[in-house]
Amino acid sequence: MPIFEFRCSECGHVFERLFLGPDEKVQLSCPECGCETLDRVISQTNYVMGAAPGVARPKLTEKSCSGGNKCFTLDLPGPTR
């Protein structure tokens, strides 16, 4: 049962919505203003990354993206596929 976050494009209010199953039909609207134009946002996590001595740490790499913007990639240590 995933919980998704949405931001209202009209008033900017951010809210969560629990979905009970993949077949659930819902009509989403902002609980503050009733607008139905919403953007799904990436939820913040409550995960602290740290490592014991001798264990690989996450690596943040800065890149140059389209339009001259800066982008970042987070490489997490662990098994690869």
N, C-alpha and C. Protein backbone atom coordinates (compact mmCIF):
# COMPACT_ATOMS: atom_id res chain seq x y z
N MET A 1 0.84 -1.17 0.00
CA MET A 1 0.00 0.00 0.00
C MET A 1 0.89 1.24 0.00
N PRO A 2 1.19 1.77 -1.17
CA PRO A 2 2.07 2.94 -1.23
C PRO A 2 1.36 4.23 -0.84
N ILE A 3 2.14 5.13 -0.27
CA ILE A 3 1.69 6.48 0.03
C ILE A 3 2.43 7.40 -0.93
N PHE A 4 1.69 8.20 -1.67
CA PHE A 4 2.28 9.15 -2.61
C PHE A 4 2.02 10.57 -2.14
N GLU A 5 2.93 11.47 -2.47
CA GLU A 5 2.77 12.88 -2.15
C GLU A 5 2.46 13.65 -3.42
N PHE A 6 1.61 14.64 -3.29
CA PHE A 6 1.22 15.48 -4.42
C PHE A 6 1.31 16.94 -4.02
N ARG A 7 1.59 17.80 -5.02
CA ARG A 7 1.61 19.25 -4.81
C ARG A 7 0.58 19.87 -5.74
N CYS A 8 -0.26 20.72 -5.17
CA CYS A 8 -1.27 21.42 -5.95
C CYS A 8 -0.59 22.50 -6.78
N SER A 9 -0.89 22.53 -8.08
CA SER A 9 -0.27 23.53 -8.94
C SER A 9 -0.95 24.90 -8.77
N GLU A 10 -2.08 24.94 -8.11
CA GLU A 10 -2.80 26.20 -7.90
C GLU A 10 -2.33 26.90 -6.62
N CYS A 11 -2.37 26.20 -5.48
CA CYS A 11 -2.04 26.85 -4.21
C CYS A 11 -0.72 26.38 -3.60
N GLY A 12 -0.10 25.31 -4.17
CA GLY A 12 1.18 24.82 -3.68
C GLY A 12 1.11 23.89 -2.49
N HIS A 13 -0.09 23.58 -2.02
CA HIS A 13 -0.26 22.69 -0.86
C HIS A 13 0.26 21.29 -1.20
N VAL A 14 1.05 20.71 -0.29
CA VAL A 14 1.56 19.34 -0.46
C VAL A 14 0.79 18.42 0.48
N PHE A 15 0.31 17.30 -0.06
CA PHE A 15 -0.46 16.36 0.75
C PHE A 15 -0.15 14.94 0.33
N GLU A 16 -0.50 13.99 1.19
CA GLU A 16 -0.26 12.57 0.94
C GLU A 16 -1.57 11.87 0.62
N ARG A 17 -1.45 10.78 -0.14
CA ARG A 17 -2.62 9.96 -0.46
C ARG A 17 -2.20 8.50 -0.41
N LEU A 18 -2.91 7.71 0.38
CA LEU A 18 -2.66 6.27 0.50
C LEU A 18 -3.48 5.56 -0.57
N PHE A 19 -2.82 4.69 -1.32
CA PHE A 19 -3.52 3.90 -2.33
C PHE A 19 -3.59 2.46 -1.84
N LEU A 20 -4.78 1.90 -1.83
CA LEU A 20 -5.00 0.57 -1.27
C LEU A 20 -4.69 -0.55 -2.24
N GLY A 21 -4.67 -0.27 -3.53
CA GLY A 21 -4.37 -1.31 -4.51
C GLY A 21 -4.22 -0.73 -5.89
N PRO A 22 -3.65 -1.50 -6.81
CA PRO A 22 -3.42 -0.99 -8.16
C PRO A 22 -4.71 -0.76 -8.95
N ASP A 23 -5.80 -1.39 -8.57
CA ASP A 23 -7.05 -1.24 -9.30
C ASP A 23 -7.95 -0.15 -8.72
N GLU A 24 -7.48 0.51 -7.67
CA GLU A 24 -8.29 1.54 -7.02
C GLU A 24 -8.47 2.74 -7.94
N LYS A 25 -9.70 3.15 -8.16
CA LYS A 25 -10.03 4.32 -8.98
C LYS A 25 -10.28 5.50 -8.03
N VAL A 26 -9.51 6.56 -8.22
CA VAL A 26 -9.66 7.73 -7.35
C VAL A 26 -9.70 8.99 -8.18
N GLN A 27 -10.37 9.98 -7.67
CA GLN A 27 -10.38 11.31 -8.25
C GLN A 27 -9.62 12.20 -7.27
N LEU A 28 -8.41 12.59 -7.65
CA LEU A 28 -7.58 13.38 -6.76
C LEU A 28 -7.86 14.86 -6.92
N SER A 29 -7.92 15.54 -5.79
CA SER A 29 -8.03 16.99 -5.80
C SER A 29 -7.38 17.52 -4.53
N CYS A 30 -6.96 18.76 -4.58
CA CYS A 30 -6.30 19.39 -3.44
C CYS A 30 -7.29 19.55 -2.28
N PRO A 31 -6.92 19.09 -1.07
CA PRO A 31 -7.84 19.24 0.07
C PRO A 31 -7.98 20.69 0.52
N GLU A 32 -7.09 21.57 0.08
CA GLU A 32 -7.16 22.99 0.49
C GLU A 32 -8.05 23.81 -0.44
N CYS A 33 -7.83 23.68 -1.77
CA CYS A 33 -8.56 24.55 -2.71
C CYS A 33 -9.45 23.79 -3.70
N GLY A 34 -9.32 22.45 -3.75
CA GLY A 34 -10.15 21.65 -4.63
C GLY A 34 -9.64 21.52 -6.05
N CYS A 35 -8.52 22.14 -6.37
CA CYS A 35 -7.94 22.07 -7.71
C CYS A 35 -7.58 20.62 -8.05
N GLU A 36 -7.78 20.22 -9.30
CA GLU A 36 -7.45 18.86 -9.72
C GLU A 36 -6.15 18.78 -10.52
N THR A 37 -5.43 19.89 -10.64
CA THR A 37 -4.15 19.90 -11.34
C THR A 37 -3.06 19.72 -10.30
N LEU A 38 -2.49 18.51 -10.26
CA LEU A 38 -1.53 18.14 -9.23
C LEU A 38 -0.25 17.61 -9.86
N ASP A 39 0.85 17.77 -9.15
CA ASP A 39 2.12 17.18 -9.54
C ASP A 39 2.51 16.19 -8.46
N ARG A 40 2.99 15.04 -8.88
CA ARG A 40 3.49 14.07 -7.90
C ARG A 40 4.90 14.48 -7.52
N VAL A 41 5.19 14.51 -6.22
CA VAL A 41 6.50 14.91 -5.75
C VAL A 41 7.22 13.73 -5.11
N ILE A 42 8.53 13.80 -5.09
CA ILE A 42 9.33 12.75 -4.47
C ILE A 42 9.32 12.97 -2.97
N SER A 43 8.94 11.96 -2.24
CA SER A 43 8.88 12.05 -0.79
C SER A 43 10.27 12.07 -0.19
N GLN A 44 10.42 12.82 0.90
CA GLN A 44 11.67 12.80 1.63
C GLN A 44 11.76 11.50 2.41
N THR A 45 12.96 11.02 2.58
CA THR A 45 13.15 9.80 3.35
C THR A 45 13.71 10.13 4.72
N ASN A 46 13.62 9.19 5.60
CA ASN A 46 14.15 9.35 6.94
C ASN A 46 15.25 8.31 7.14
N TYR A 47 16.14 8.26 6.16
CA TYR A 47 17.19 7.25 6.17
C TYR A 47 18.52 7.96 6.33
N VAL A 48 19.28 7.56 7.33
CA VAL A 48 20.59 8.15 7.56
C VAL A 48 21.64 7.18 7.04
N MET A 49 22.49 7.68 6.15
CA MET A 49 23.52 6.82 5.60
C MET A 49 24.82 7.07 6.34
N GLY A 50 25.41 6.02 6.73
CA GLY A 50 26.70 6.11 7.39
C GLY A 50 27.41 4.80 7.18
N ALA A 51 28.65 4.79 7.49
CA ALA A 51 29.39 3.56 7.27
C ALA A 51 30.40 3.37 8.39
N ALA A 52 30.63 2.13 8.70
CA ALA A 52 31.65 1.78 9.68
C ALA A 52 33.01 1.95 9.02
N PRO A 53 34.06 2.06 9.79
CA PRO A 53 35.39 2.19 9.21
C PRO A 53 35.68 1.05 8.23
N GLY A 54 36.22 1.40 7.06
CA GLY A 54 36.56 0.41 6.05
C GLY A 54 35.42 0.04 5.12
N VAL A 55 34.24 0.60 5.33
CA VAL A 55 33.07 0.30 4.49
C VAL A 55 32.89 1.45 3.50
N ALA A 56 32.55 1.12 2.27
CA ALA A 56 32.36 2.14 1.23
C ALA A 56 31.26 3.11 1.61
N ARG A 57 31.47 4.37 1.28
CA ARG A 57 30.49 5.42 1.55
C ARG A 57 29.82 5.86 0.25
N PRO A 58 28.64 6.46 0.34
CA PRO A 58 27.99 6.98 -0.86
C PRO A 58 28.86 8.07 -1.49
N LYS A 59 28.76 8.18 -2.82
CA LYS A 59 29.56 9.16 -3.54
C LYS A 59 28.63 10.07 -4.34
N LEU A 60 28.77 11.38 -4.16
CA LEU A 60 27.97 12.37 -4.87
C LEU A 60 28.81 12.93 -6.01
N THR A 61 28.33 12.79 -7.25
CA THR A 61 29.05 13.25 -8.42
C THR A 61 28.27 14.37 -9.09
N GLU A 62 28.94 15.50 -9.34
CA GLU A 62 28.30 16.63 -10.01
C GLU A 62 28.50 16.51 -11.51
N LYS A 63 27.43 16.78 -12.26
CA LYS A 63 27.48 16.71 -13.72
C LYS A 63 26.92 18.00 -14.30
N SER A 64 27.16 18.21 -15.57
CA SER A 64 26.58 19.34 -16.28
C SER A 64 25.42 18.81 -17.10
N CYS A 65 24.25 19.40 -16.93
CA CYS A 65 23.05 18.92 -17.62
C CYS A 65 22.59 19.93 -18.66
N SER A 66 21.54 19.60 -19.37
CA SER A 66 21.03 20.46 -20.42
C SER A 66 20.66 21.84 -19.88
N GLY A 67 20.84 22.84 -20.69
CA GLY A 67 20.52 24.20 -20.29
C GLY A 67 21.55 24.80 -19.37
N GLY A 68 22.70 24.15 -19.22
CA GLY A 68 23.75 24.69 -18.35
C GLY A 68 23.49 24.45 -16.87
N ASN A 69 22.47 23.67 -16.54
CA ASN A 69 22.15 23.38 -15.14
C ASN A 69 23.10 22.34 -14.58
N LYS A 70 23.22 22.33 -13.26
CA LYS A 70 24.02 21.31 -12.60
C LYS A 70 23.11 20.18 -12.14
N CYS A 71 23.58 18.96 -12.32
CA CYS A 71 22.86 17.77 -11.87
C CYS A 71 23.79 16.98 -10.97
N PHE A 72 23.22 16.16 -10.13
CA PHE A 72 24.01 15.34 -9.23
C PHE A 72 23.55 13.89 -9.33
N THR A 73 24.49 12.98 -9.19
CA THR A 73 24.20 11.56 -9.15
C THR A 73 24.71 11.03 -7.83
N LEU A 74 23.90 10.25 -7.15
CA LEU A 74 24.31 9.63 -5.88
C LEU A 74 24.54 8.16 -6.14
N ASP A 75 25.79 7.75 -6.02
CA ASP A 75 26.16 6.35 -6.18
C ASP A 75 26.20 5.69 -4.80
N LEU A 76 25.32 4.72 -4.60
CA LEU A 76 25.25 4.03 -3.32
C LEU A 76 26.07 2.76 -3.35
N PRO A 77 26.83 2.51 -2.30
CA PRO A 77 27.60 1.27 -2.27
C PRO A 77 26.67 0.07 -2.08
N GLY A 78 27.12 -1.06 -2.51
CA GLY A 78 26.31 -2.27 -2.34
C GLY A 78 26.39 -3.14 -3.57
N PRO A 79 25.66 -4.23 -3.58
CA PRO A 79 25.71 -5.14 -4.71
C PRO A 79 25.14 -4.48 -5.96
N THR A 80 25.66 -4.86 -7.12
CA THR A 80 25.14 -4.36 -8.38
C THR A 80 24.48 -5.52 -9.12
N ARG A 81 23.64 -5.16 -10.04
CA ARG A 81 22.92 -6.18 -10.81
C ARG A 81 23.69 -6.55 -12.03
